[in-house]
C-alpha atoms as a PDB file:
ATOM      1  CA  MET A   1      -7.651  -7.232  15.022  1.00  0.00           C
ATOM      2  CA  ARG A   2      -6.114  -3.751  14.156  1.00  0.00           C
ATOM      3  CA  VAL A   3      -4.472  -4.025  10.691  1.00  0.00           C
ATOM      4  CA  GLY A   4      -2.086  -1.443   9.442  1.00  0.00           C
ATOM      5  CA  VAL A   5      -2.273  -1.107   5.603  1.00  0.00           C
ATOM      6  CA  VAL A   6       0.570   0.932   3.854  1.00  0.00           C
ATOM      7  CA  GLY A   7      -0.276   1.823   0.334  1.00  0.00           C
ATOM      8  CA  ALA A   8      -4.024   1.927   1.130  1.00  0.00           C
ATOM      9  CA  THR A   9      -5.058   3.661  -2.180  1.00  0.00           C
ATOM     10  CA  GLY A  10      -3.549   1.168  -4.495  1.00  0.00           C
ATOM     11  CA  VAL A  11      -5.583  -1.450  -6.385  1.00  0.00           C
ATOM     12  CA  LEU A  12      -4.803  -4.378  -3.900  1.00  0.00           C
ATOM     13  CA  ALA A  13      -5.748  -2.229  -0.860  1.00  0.00           C
ATOM     14  CA  ARG A  14      -8.778  -0.863  -2.460  1.00  0.00           C
ATOM     15  CA  ASN A  15      -9.928  -4.571  -2.643  1.00  0.00           C
ATOM     16  CA  LEU A  16      -8.506  -5.735   0.751  1.00  0.00           C
ATOM     17  CA  ILE A  17      -9.773  -2.950   3.008  1.00  0.00           C
ATOM     18  CA  PRO A  18     -13.628  -3.735   2.287  1.00  0.00           C
ATOM     19  CA  MET A  19     -12.866  -7.407   3.089  1.00  0.00           C
ATOM     20  CA  LEU A  20     -11.112  -6.766   6.302  1.00  0.00           C
ATOM     21  CA  VAL A  21     -13.916  -4.440   7.269  1.00  0.00           C
ATOM     22  CA  GLU A  22     -16.563  -7.089   6.421  1.00  0.00           C
ATOM     23  CA  ARG A  23     -14.579  -9.632   8.598  1.00  0.00           C
ATOM     24  CA  GLY A  24     -14.856  -7.242  11.573  1.00  0.00           C
ATOM     25  CA  HIS A  25     -11.348  -6.025  11.496  1.00  0.00           C
ATOM     26  CA  GLN A  26     -10.249  -2.410  12.241  1.00  0.00           C
ATOM     27  CA  VAL A  27      -8.174  -0.725   9.680  1.00  0.00           C
ATOM     28  CA  ARG A  28      -5.542   2.046  10.049  1.00  0.00           C
ATOM     29  CA  ALA A  29      -4.972   2.968   6.339  1.00  0.00           C
ATOM     30  CA  LEU A  30      -1.532   4.983   5.635  1.00  0.00           C
ATOM     31  CA  ALA A  31      -1.572   6.836   2.186  1.00  0.00           C
ATOM     32  CA  ARG A  32      -0.224   9.863   0.536  1.00  0.00           C
ATOM     33  CA  SER A  33      -3.808  10.693  -0.097  1.00  0.00           C
ATOM     34  CA  PRO A  34      -5.875   9.525   2.836  1.00  0.00           C
ATOM     35  CA  GLU A  35      -9.020  11.297   1.243  1.00  0.00           C
ATOM     36  CA  LYS A  36      -9.208   8.602  -1.342  1.00  0.00           C
ATOM     37  CA  VAL A  37      -9.440   5.863   1.216  1.00  0.00           C
ATOM     38  CA  LEU A  38     -12.718   4.004   1.966  1.00  0.00           C
ATOM     39  CA  HIS A  39     -14.267   5.818   4.846  1.00  0.00           C
ATOM     40  CA  THR A  40     -16.100   3.834   7.527  1.00  0.00           C
ATOM     41  CA  ALA A  41     -16.397   3.799  11.434  1.00  0.00           C
ATOM     42  CA  ARG A  42     -13.808   0.856  11.105  1.00  0.00           C
ATOM     43  CA  VAL A  43     -11.220   2.731   8.714  1.00  0.00           C
ATOM     44  CA  GLU A  44      -8.897   5.340  10.135  1.00  0.00           C
ATOM     45  CA  ALA A  45      -7.008   7.072   7.244  1.00  0.00           C
ATOM     46  CA  VAL A  46      -3.839   8.685   8.045  1.00  0.00           C
ATOM     47  CA  ARG A  47      -1.443  10.584   5.526  1.00  0.00           C
ATOM     48  CA  HIS A  48       1.979   9.199   5.312  1.00  0.00           C
ATOM     49  CA  ASP A  49       4.526   8.885   2.422  1.00  0.00           C
ATOM     50  CA  LEU A  50       6.686   5.921   3.055  1.00  0.00           C
ATOM     51  CA  LEU A  51       9.466   7.483   0.977  1.00  0.00           C
ATOM     52  CA  ASP A  52       9.583  11.030   2.716  1.00  0.00           C
ATOM     53  CA  PRO A  53      12.446  10.852   5.213  1.00  0.00           C
ATOM     54  CA  ALA A  54      10.744  13.748   7.097  1.00  0.00           C
ATOM     55  CA  MET A  55       7.724  11.497   7.884  1.00  0.00           C
ATOM     56  CA  ALA A  56       9.950   8.592   8.923  1.00  0.00           C
ATOM     57  CA  ALA A  57      10.036   9.369  12.760  1.00  0.00           C
ATOM     58  CA  GLN A  58       6.195   9.391  12.753  1.00  0.00           C
ATOM     59  CA  LEU A  59       5.839   5.846  11.458  1.00  0.00           C
ATOM     60  CA  PRO A  60       6.260   3.684  14.644  1.00  0.00           C
ATOM     61  CA  GLY A  61       3.717   5.928  16.385  1.00  0.00           C
ATOM     62  CA  LEU A  62       1.372   5.333  13.464  1.00  0.00           C
ATOM     63  CA  LEU A  63       1.817   1.580  13.684  1.00  0.00           C
ATOM     64  CA  ALA A  64       1.333   1.527  17.462  1.00  0.00           C
ATOM     65  CA  GLY A  65      -1.297  -0.665  18.590  1.00  0.00           C
ATOM     66  CA  CYS A  66      -1.700  -2.531  15.203  1.00  0.00           C
ATOM     67  CA  ASP A  67      -1.778  -6.462  15.314  1.00  0.00           C
ATOM     68  CA  VAL A  68      -0.314  -6.767  11.885  1.00  0.00           C
ATOM     69  CA  VAL A  69       1.063  -4.504   9.280  1.00  0.00           C
ATOM     70  CA  ILE A  70       0.927  -5.036   5.436  1.00  0.00           C
ATOM     71  CA  HIS A  71       3.281  -3.598   3.126  1.00  0.00           C
ATOM     72  CA  ALA A  72       1.137  -2.926  -0.059  1.00  0.00           C
ATOM     73  CA  ALA A  73       2.560   0.258  -1.146  1.00  0.00           C
ATOM     74  CA  THR A  74       3.733   0.336  -4.907  1.00  0.00           C
ATOM     75  CA  ALA A  75       4.310   3.097  -7.567  1.00  0.00           C
ATOM     76  CA  ILE A  76       3.523   1.282 -10.956  1.00  0.00           C
ATOM     77  CA  PRO A  77       4.271   3.880 -13.642  1.00  0.00           C
ATOM     78  CA  THR A  78       1.517   5.032 -16.158  1.00  0.00           C
ATOM     79  CA  ASP A  79       4.093   4.516 -18.967  1.00  0.00           C
ATOM     80  CA  PRO A  80       6.192   1.268 -18.131  1.00  0.00           C
ATOM     81  CA  THR A  81       8.798   2.046 -20.662  1.00  0.00           C
ATOM     82  CA  ALA A  82       9.492   5.559 -19.573  1.00  0.00           C
ATOM     83  CA  PRO A  83      13.087   6.384 -18.571  1.00  0.00           C
ATOM     84  CA  GLY A  84      13.276   6.023 -14.770  1.00  0.00           C
ATOM     85  CA  GLY A  85       9.748   5.119 -14.397  1.00  0.00           C
ATOM     86  CA  TRP A  86      10.089   2.304 -12.047  1.00  0.00           C
ATOM     87  CA  GLU A  87      12.331   4.179  -9.750  1.00  0.00           C
ATOM     88  CA  ASN A  88      10.039   5.092  -6.889  1.00  0.00           C
ATOM     89  CA  ASN A  89       8.516   1.504  -7.139  1.00  0.00           C
ATOM     90  CA  SER A  90      12.030   0.044  -6.557  1.00  0.00           C
ATOM     91  CA  ARG A  91      12.618   2.630  -3.822  1.00  0.00           C
ATOM     92  CA  LEU A  92       9.254   1.333  -2.176  1.00  0.00           C
ATOM     93  CA  ARG A  93      10.680  -2.197  -2.299  1.00  0.00           C
ATOM     94  CA  THR A  94      14.083  -1.459  -0.853  1.00  0.00           C
ATOM     95  CA  GLU A  95      14.090   1.937   1.257  1.00  0.00           C
ATOM     96  CA  GLY A  96      10.266   1.594   1.999  1.00  0.00           C
ATOM     97  CA  THR A  97      10.719  -1.879   3.342  1.00  0.00           C
ATOM     98  CA  ARG A  98      13.515  -1.226   5.564  1.00  0.00           C
ATOM     99  CA  ARG A  99      11.713   1.862   6.952  1.00  0.00           C
ATOM    100  CA  LEU A 100       8.603  -0.012   7.427  1.00  0.00           C
ATOM    101  CA  LEU A 101      10.181  -3.136   9.102  1.00  0.00           C
ATOM    102  CA  ASP A 102      12.305  -1.040  11.509  1.00  0.00           C
ATOM    103  CA  ALA A 103       8.993   0.989  12.380  1.00  0.00           C
ATOM    104  CA  ALA A 104       7.077  -2.294  12.890  1.00  0.00           C
ATOM    105  CA  LEU A 105       9.733  -3.598  15.373  1.00  0.00           C
ATOM    106  CA  ARG A 106       9.901  -0.441  17.251  1.00  0.00           C
ATOM    107  CA  ALA A 107       6.095  -0.278  17.716  1.00  0.00           C
ATOM    108  CA  GLY A 108       6.202  -3.985  18.687  1.00  0.00           C
ATOM    109  CA  VAL A 109       3.748  -5.077  15.824  1.00  0.00           C
ATOM    110  CA  PRO A 110       3.674  -8.879  16.011  1.00  0.00           C
ATOM    111  CA  GLN A 111       2.856  -9.849  12.471  1.00  0.00           C
ATOM    112  CA  TYR A 112       4.212  -8.356   9.036  1.00  0.00           C
ATOM    113  CA  ILE A 113       2.934  -9.160   5.640  1.00  0.00           C
ATOM    114  CA  GLN A 114       4.907  -8.188   2.478  1.00  0.00           C
ATOM    115  CA  GLN A 115       3.449  -8.070  -0.918  1.00  0.00           C
ATOM    116  CA  SER A 116       6.103  -9.373  -3.455  1.00  0.00           C
ATOM    117  CA  ILE A 117       5.778 -10.900  -7.258  1.00  0.00           C
ATOM    118  CA  VAL A 118       6.182 -14.266  -8.815  1.00  0.00           C
ATOM    119  CA  MET A 119       7.641 -12.340 -11.814  1.00  0.00           C
ATOM    120  CA  ALA A 120      11.151 -12.101 -10.212  1.00  0.00           C
ATOM    121  CA  TYR A 121      11.471 -16.069 -10.652  1.00  0.00           C
ATOM    122  CA  ILE A 122      14.136 -17.278 -12.971  1.00  0.00           C
ATOM    123  CA  ASP A 123      12.754 -18.126 -16.383  1.00  0.00           C
ATOM    124  CA  GLY A 124      11.143 -21.472 -15.766  1.00  0.00           C
ATOM    125  CA  GLY A 125      10.222 -22.433 -19.448  1.00  0.00           C
ATOM    126  CA  ASP A 126       7.636 -25.231 -19.079  1.00  0.00           C
ATOM    127  CA  ARG A 127       8.545 -26.282 -15.768  1.00  0.00           C
ATOM    128  CA  TRP A 128       6.405 -25.463 -12.724  1.00  0.00           C
ATOM    129  CA  LEU A 129       7.644 -23.040 -10.236  1.00  0.00           C
ATOM    130  CA  ASP A 130       7.120 -23.316  -6.549  1.00  0.00           C
ATOM    131  CA  GLU A 131       8.212 -21.169  -3.548  1.00  0.00           C
ATOM    132  CA  SER A 132      11.624 -22.829  -3.454  1.00  0.00           C
ATOM    133  CA  THR A 133      12.483 -21.696  -7.078  1.00  0.00           C
ATOM    134  CA  PRO A 134      15.315 -19.217  -6.987  1.00  0.00           C
ATOM    135  CA  LEU A 135      14.760 -15.500  -7.839  1.00  0.00           C
ATOM    136  CA  ASP A 136      16.580 -14.170 -10.730  1.00  0.00           C
ATOM    137  CA  SER A 137      19.825 -12.707  -9.779  1.00  0.00           C
ATOM    138  CA  SER A 138      21.127 -12.248 -13.305  1.00  0.00           C
ATOM    139  CA  PRO A 139      22.518  -8.683 -14.309  1.00  0.00           C
ATOM    140  CA  ALA A 140      20.215  -8.646 -17.300  1.00  0.00           C
ATOM    141  CA  ARG A 141      17.091  -8.538 -15.095  1.00  0.00           C
ATOM    142  CA  ALA A 142      18.717  -6.655 -12.242  1.00  0.00           C
ATOM    143  CA  GLY A 143      16.360  -3.662 -12.658  1.00  0.00           C
ATOM    144  CA  VAL A 144      13.182  -5.632 -12.052  1.00  0.00           C
ATOM    145  CA  CYS A 145      14.554  -8.501  -9.715  1.00  0.00           C
ATOM    146  CA  ALA A 146      17.263  -7.068  -7.533  1.00  0.00           C
ATOM    147  CA  PRO A 147      14.804  -4.786  -5.663  1.00  0.00           C
ATOM    148  CA  VAL A 148      12.701  -7.777  -5.031  1.00  0.00           C
ATOM    149  CA  ILE A 149      15.438  -9.894  -3.830  1.00  0.00           C
ATOM    150  CA  ALA A 150      16.681  -7.345  -1.450  1.00  0.00           C
ATOM    151  CA  MET A 151      13.017  -6.600  -0.143  1.00  0.00           C
ATOM    152  CA  GLU A 152      12.445 -10.437   0.638  1.00  0.00           C
ATOM    153  CA  GLY A 153      15.972 -10.678   1.979  1.00  0.00           C
ATOM    154  CA  MET A 154      15.103  -7.836   4.583  1.00  0.00           C
ATOM    155  CA  VAL A 155      11.863  -9.611   5.459  1.00  0.00           C
ATOM    156  CA  LYS A 156      13.407 -12.925   6.054  1.00  0.00           C
ATOM    157  CA  ALA A 157      16.181 -11.758   8.098  1.00  0.00           C
ATOM    158  CA  ASN A 158      13.944 -11.445  11.027  1.00  0.00           C
ATOM    159  CA  ASP A 159      13.063 -14.164  13.424  1.00  0.00           C
ATOM    160  CA  PRO A 160       9.542 -15.172  12.807  1.00  0.00           C
ATOM    161  CA  ALA A 161       8.998 -16.099  16.457  1.00  0.00           C
ATOM    162  CA  GLN A 162       9.813 -12.226  17.090  1.00  0.00           C
ATOM    163  CA  LEU A 163       8.143 -10.718  14.059  1.00  0.00           C
ATOM    164  CA  ALA A 164       5.679 -13.345  12.415  1.00  0.00           C
ATOM    165  CA  TRP A 165       6.441 -12.275   8.840  1.00  0.00           C
ATOM    166  CA  CYS A 166       4.821 -13.804   5.584  1.00  0.00           C
ATOM    167  CA  ILE A 167       5.626 -13.004   1.944  1.00  0.00           C
ATOM    168  CA  VAL A 168       2.728 -13.036  -0.658  1.00  0.00           C
ATOM    169  CA  ARG A 169       4.244 -13.448  -4.094  1.00  0.00           C
ATOM    170  CA  GLY A 170       1.212 -12.325  -6.521  1.00  0.00           C
ATOM    171  CA  GLY A 171       0.960 -13.056 -10.021  1.00  0.00           C
ATOM    172  CA  LEU A 172       0.043 -10.735 -12.818  1.00  0.00           C
ATOM    173  CA  PHE A 173      -3.029  -8.514 -11.499  1.00  0.00           C
ATOM    174  CA  VAL A 174      -6.028  -8.753 -13.727  1.00  0.00           C
ATOM    175  CA  GLY A 175      -9.479  -7.286 -12.951  1.00  0.00           C
ATOM    176  CA  PRO A 176     -10.870  -3.733 -12.513  1.00  0.00           C
ATOM    177  CA  GLY A 177      -8.108  -1.204 -12.039  1.00  0.00           C
ATOM    178  CA  THR A 178      -5.222  -3.389 -13.263  1.00  0.00           C
ATOM    179  CA  GLY A 179      -2.961  -3.451 -16.197  1.00  0.00           C
ATOM    180  CA  GLN A 180      -5.613  -5.712 -17.983  1.00  0.00           C
ATOM    181  CA  GLU A 181      -7.768  -2.644 -18.566  1.00  0.00           C
ATOM    182  CA  ALA A 182      -4.732  -1.207 -20.556  1.00  0.00           C
ATOM    183  CA  LEU A 183      -4.103  -4.318 -22.552  1.00  0.00           C
ATOM    184  CA  ILE A 184      -7.911  -4.467 -23.563  1.00  0.00           C
ATOM    185  CA  ALA A 185      -7.483  -0.843 -24.959  1.00  0.00           C
ATOM    186  CA  ARG A 186      -4.562  -1.817 -26.786  1.00  0.00           C
ATOM    187  CA  LEU A 187      -6.165  -4.822 -28.214  1.00  0.00           C
ATOM    188  CA  ARG A 188      -9.215  -2.863 -29.370  1.00  0.00           C
ATOM    189  CA  ALA A 189      -6.934  -0.185 -30.999  1.00  0.00           C
ATOM    190  CA  GLY A 190      -4.809  -2.969 -32.764  1.00  0.00           C
ATOM    191  CA  GLN A 191      -1.751  -1.707 -30.934  1.00  0.00           C
ATOM    192  CA  GLU A 192      -0.766  -4.938 -29.108  1.00  0.00           C
ATOM    193  CA  VAL A 193       1.933  -7.229 -30.347  1.00  0.00           C
ATOM    194  CA  VAL A 194       2.819 -10.472 -28.681  1.00  0.00           C
ATOM    195  CA  ARG A 195       6.686 -10.565 -28.052  1.00  0.00           C
ATOM    196  CA  CYS A 196       8.503 -13.714 -29.573  1.00  0.00           C
ATOM    197  CA  ASP A 197       6.207 -16.672 -30.213  1.00  0.00           C
ATOM    198  CA  GLY A 198       3.774 -16.105 -27.364  1.00  0.00           C
ATOM    199  CA  GLN A 199       4.597 -19.459 -25.577  1.00  0.00           C
ATOM    200  CA  ASN A 200       5.982 -18.154 -22.366  1.00  0.00           C
ATOM    201  CA  PHE A 201       3.733 -18.917 -19.315  1.00  0.00           C
ATOM    202  CA  ILE A 202       2.131 -16.200 -17.339  1.00  0.00           C
ATOM    203  CA  SER A 203       0.518 -16.781 -13.948  1.00  0.00           C
ATOM    204  CA  PRO A 204      -2.417 -14.306 -13.439  1.00  0.00           C
ATOM    205  CA  ILE A 205      -4.382 -13.481 -10.501  1.00  0.00           C
ATOM    206  CA  HIS A 206      -7.469 -11.478 -10.078  1.00  0.00           C
ATOM    207  CA  VAL A 207      -6.997  -8.453  -7.601  1.00  0.00           C
ATOM    208  CA  ALA A 208      -9.964  -9.473  -5.339  1.00  0.00           C
ATOM    209  CA  ASP A 209      -8.491 -12.966  -5.098  1.00  0.00           C
ATOM    210  CA  ILE A 210      -5.015 -11.890  -3.995  1.00  0.00           C
ATOM    211  CA  ALA A 211      -6.868  -9.475  -1.380  1.00  0.00           C
ATOM    212  CA  ALA A 212      -8.786 -12.538  -0.054  1.00  0.00           C
ATOM    213  CA  ALA A 213      -5.363 -14.452   0.179  1.00  0.00           C
ATOM    214  CA  PHE A 214      -3.994 -11.447   2.457  1.00  0.00           C
ATOM    215  CA  VAL A 215      -7.005 -11.809   4.777  1.00  0.00           C
ATOM    216  CA  ALA A 216      -6.287 -15.571   5.104  1.00  0.00           C
ATOM    217  CA  VAL A 217      -2.568 -14.908   5.863  1.00  0.00           C
ATOM    218  CA  ILE A 218      -3.942 -12.401   8.569  1.00  0.00           C
ATOM    219  CA  GLU A 219      -6.160 -14.853   9.935  1.00  0.00           C
ATOM    220  CA  ARG A 220      -4.014 -17.943   9.980  1.00  0.00           C
ATOM    221  CA  ASN A 221      -0.704 -16.224  10.741  1.00  0.00           C
ATOM    222  CA  PRO A 222       1.621 -18.737   8.844  1.00  0.00           C
ATOM    223  CA  ALA A 223       4.879 -17.148  10.356  1.00  0.00           C
ATOM    224  CA  GLY A 224       7.950 -17.273   8.272  1.00  0.00           C
ATOM    225  CA  GLN A 225       6.507 -18.679   5.068  1.00  0.00           C
ATOM    226  CA  VAL A 226       6.086 -17.623   1.318  1.00  0.00           C
ATOM    227  CA  PHE A 227       3.210 -18.239  -0.897  1.00  0.00           C
ATOM    228  CA  ASN A 228       2.533 -17.942  -4.527  1.00  0.00           C
ATOM    229  CA  VAL A 229      -0.824 -16.474  -4.890  1.00  0.00           C
ATOM    230  CA  VAL A 230      -1.724 -17.104  -8.688  1.00  0.00           C
ATOM    231  CA  ASP A 231      -4.732 -18.456 -10.721  1.00  0.00           C
ATOM    232  CA  GLU A 232      -4.013 -21.297 -13.347  1.00  0.00           C
ATOM    233  CA  PRO A 233      -1.010 -20.404 -15.445  1.00  0.00           C
ATOM    234  CA  LEU A 234      -1.405 -20.173 -19.406  1.00  0.00           C
ATOM    235  CA  ARG A 235       0.645 -19.267 -22.261  1.00  0.00           C
ATOM    236  CA  GLN A 236       1.080 -15.495 -23.107  1.00  0.00           C
ATOM    237  CA  GLY A 237      -0.208 -15.821 -26.694  1.00  0.00           C
ATOM    238  CA  GLU A 238      -3.276 -17.916 -25.622  1.00  0.00           C
ATOM    239  CA  TYR A 239      -4.315 -15.293 -22.946  1.00  0.00           C
ATOM    240  CA  THR A 240      -4.054 -12.320 -25.207  1.00  0.00           C
ATOM    241  CA  ASP A 241      -5.865 -14.124 -28.050  1.00  0.00           C
ATOM    242  CA  ARG A 242      -8.705 -15.177 -25.752  1.00  0.00           C
ATOM    243  CA  LEU A 243      -8.890 -11.746 -24.299  1.00  0.00           C
ATOM    244  CA  ALA A 244      -9.085 -10.278 -27.782  1.00  0.00           C
ATOM    245  CA  ARG A 245     -11.962 -12.545 -28.743  1.00  0.00           C
ATOM    246  CA  LEU A 246     -13.731 -11.664 -25.544  1.00  0.00           C
ATOM    247  CA  VAL A 247     -13.781  -7.978 -26.217  1.00  0.00           C
ATOM    248  CA  GLY A 248     -14.351  -8.350 -30.048  1.00  0.00           C
ATOM    249  CA  ALA A 249     -10.905  -7.377 -31.055  1.00  0.00           C
ATOM    250  CA  PRO A 250      -8.557  -8.923 -33.681  1.00  0.00           C
ATOM    251  CA  GLU A 251      -6.058 -11.579 -32.341  1.00  0.00           C
ATOM    252  CA  PRO A 252      -2.631  -9.704 -31.760  1.00  0.00           C
ATOM    253  CA  PRO A 253       0.287 -10.611 -34.108  1.00  0.00           C
ATOM    254  CA  ARG A 254       3.465 -12.190 -32.917  1.00  0.00           C
ATOM    255  CA  ASP A 255       6.923 -10.584 -33.319  1.00  0.00           C
ATOM    256  CA  PRO A 256       9.538 -13.302 -33.522  1.00  0.00           C
ATOM    257  CA  GLY A 257      12.163 -10.548 -33.820  1.00  0.00           C
ATOM    258  CA  GLN A 258      11.617  -9.492 -30.124  1.00  0.00           C
ATOM    259  CA  PRO A 259      13.351 -11.599 -27.088  1.00  0.00           C
ATOM    260  CA  CYS A 260      11.238 -14.111 -25.631  1.00  0.00           C
ATOM    261  CA  PRO A 261      10.018 -12.918 -22.125  1.00  0.00           C
ATOM    262  CA  PRO A 262      10.608 -14.942 -19.109  1.00  0.00           C
ATOM    263  CA  SER A 263       8.117 -17.955 -18.343  1.00  0.00           C
ATOM    264  CA  TYR A 264       6.332 -18.167 -15.141  1.00  0.00           C
ATOM    265  CA  ARG A 265       4.259 -21.396 -14.607  1.00  0.00           C
ATOM    266  CA  CYS A 266       3.578 -21.208 -10.888  1.00  0.00           C
ATOM    267  CA  THR A 267       1.895 -23.325  -8.652  1.00  0.00           C
ATOM    268  CA  ASN A 268      -0.362 -22.163  -5.861  1.00  0.00           C
ATOM    269  CA  GLN A 269      -0.594 -25.439  -4.003  1.00  0.00           C
ATOM    270  CA  ALA A 270       0.952 -24.087  -0.791  1.00  0.00           C
ATOM    271  CA  ALA A 271      -1.637 -21.454  -0.497  1.00  0.00           C
ATOM    272  CA  LYS A 272      -4.179 -23.802  -1.075  1.00  0.00           C
ATOM    273  CA  THR A 273      -3.067 -26.277   1.467  1.00  0.00           C
ATOM    274  CA  VAL A 274      -1.858 -23.766   4.315  1.00  0.00           C
ATOM    275  CA  LEU A 275      -4.072 -20.830   3.901  1.00  0.00           C
ATOM    276  CA  ARG A 276      -7.360 -22.920   2.572  1.00  0.00           C
ATOM    277  CA  TRP A 277      -7.506 -20.320  -0.072  1.00  0.00           C
ATOM    278  CA  GLU A 278      -8.335 -20.747  -3.745  1.00  0.00           C
ATOM    279  CA  PRO A 279      -9.027 -18.277  -6.673  1.00  0.00           C
ATOM    280  CA  VAL A 280     -12.776 -17.617  -7.351  1.00  0.00           C
ATOM    281  CA  HIS A 281     -13.188 -14.746  -9.554  1.00  0.00           C
ATOM    282  CA  GLY A 282     -11.161 -15.986 -12.686  1.00  0.00           C
ATOM    283  CA  ILE A 283      -9.083 -13.918 -14.708  1.00  0.00           C
ATOM    284  CA  TRP A 284     -11.439 -13.009 -17.714  1.00  0.00           C
ATOM    285  CA  PRO A 285     -13.387  -9.665 -17.725  1.00  0.00           C
ATOM    286  CA  VAL A 286     -17.249  -9.755 -17.846  1.00  0.00           C
ATOM    287  CA  VAL A 287     -18.246  -8.270 -21.238  1.00  0.00           C
END
């Protein structure tokens, strides 16, 4: 199959593209910096910026001949607390998704896969969250969740018989090139503080494992479905404490004065059953 990957230099695509090549697929990699894309006989790297209106007219032609297109483009800020730091990421989820969906339909691409996140769910406390759990539409979390809700709504508005869409809700990325590396650096420097009491659940996923789930979606084509792609959930405090011990750092203190983060105890049973996928890399770094 010919697979169009948009956001081809991101951490997900850097793991995904070699897997696709290994399984015999052809890849058309769209990126703002195509020189950073893996170069092999099976990978065609093309310059494209999903947020550049001047390049929008080129997009249907770039997707022509693709059997599937993957929206894996993100713009995660180096400093997540910087004012306006998440603006481009939100635009990729809204403007970028609209542009890519329209181009895929015009180009006649039969299959579309959208990267999403489980961190847009409502706060589940200790409850298990499956794909039927509502996304959080509260004003308090509009900055994070509203672009995800809009993005998924645009995808779901399509008839799966005409565009075989699938949404992959990934957990918290861990592994090389992810935020886990920055967390380890803060732990070693004694700069990490666990908000509240650390009892909220997180649902991590190794970036190589979610890449493998995308391959499974491509090859099984479960049209019109949504999947949580996560490893075993655990509490935030347990995660940071064990990570600190693994890297020889002190366990971080708790700050009960900070608000408790939302809790995401997500199940991956649907992905295991339908995609015949399961995580194999684990969430802990090799030290």
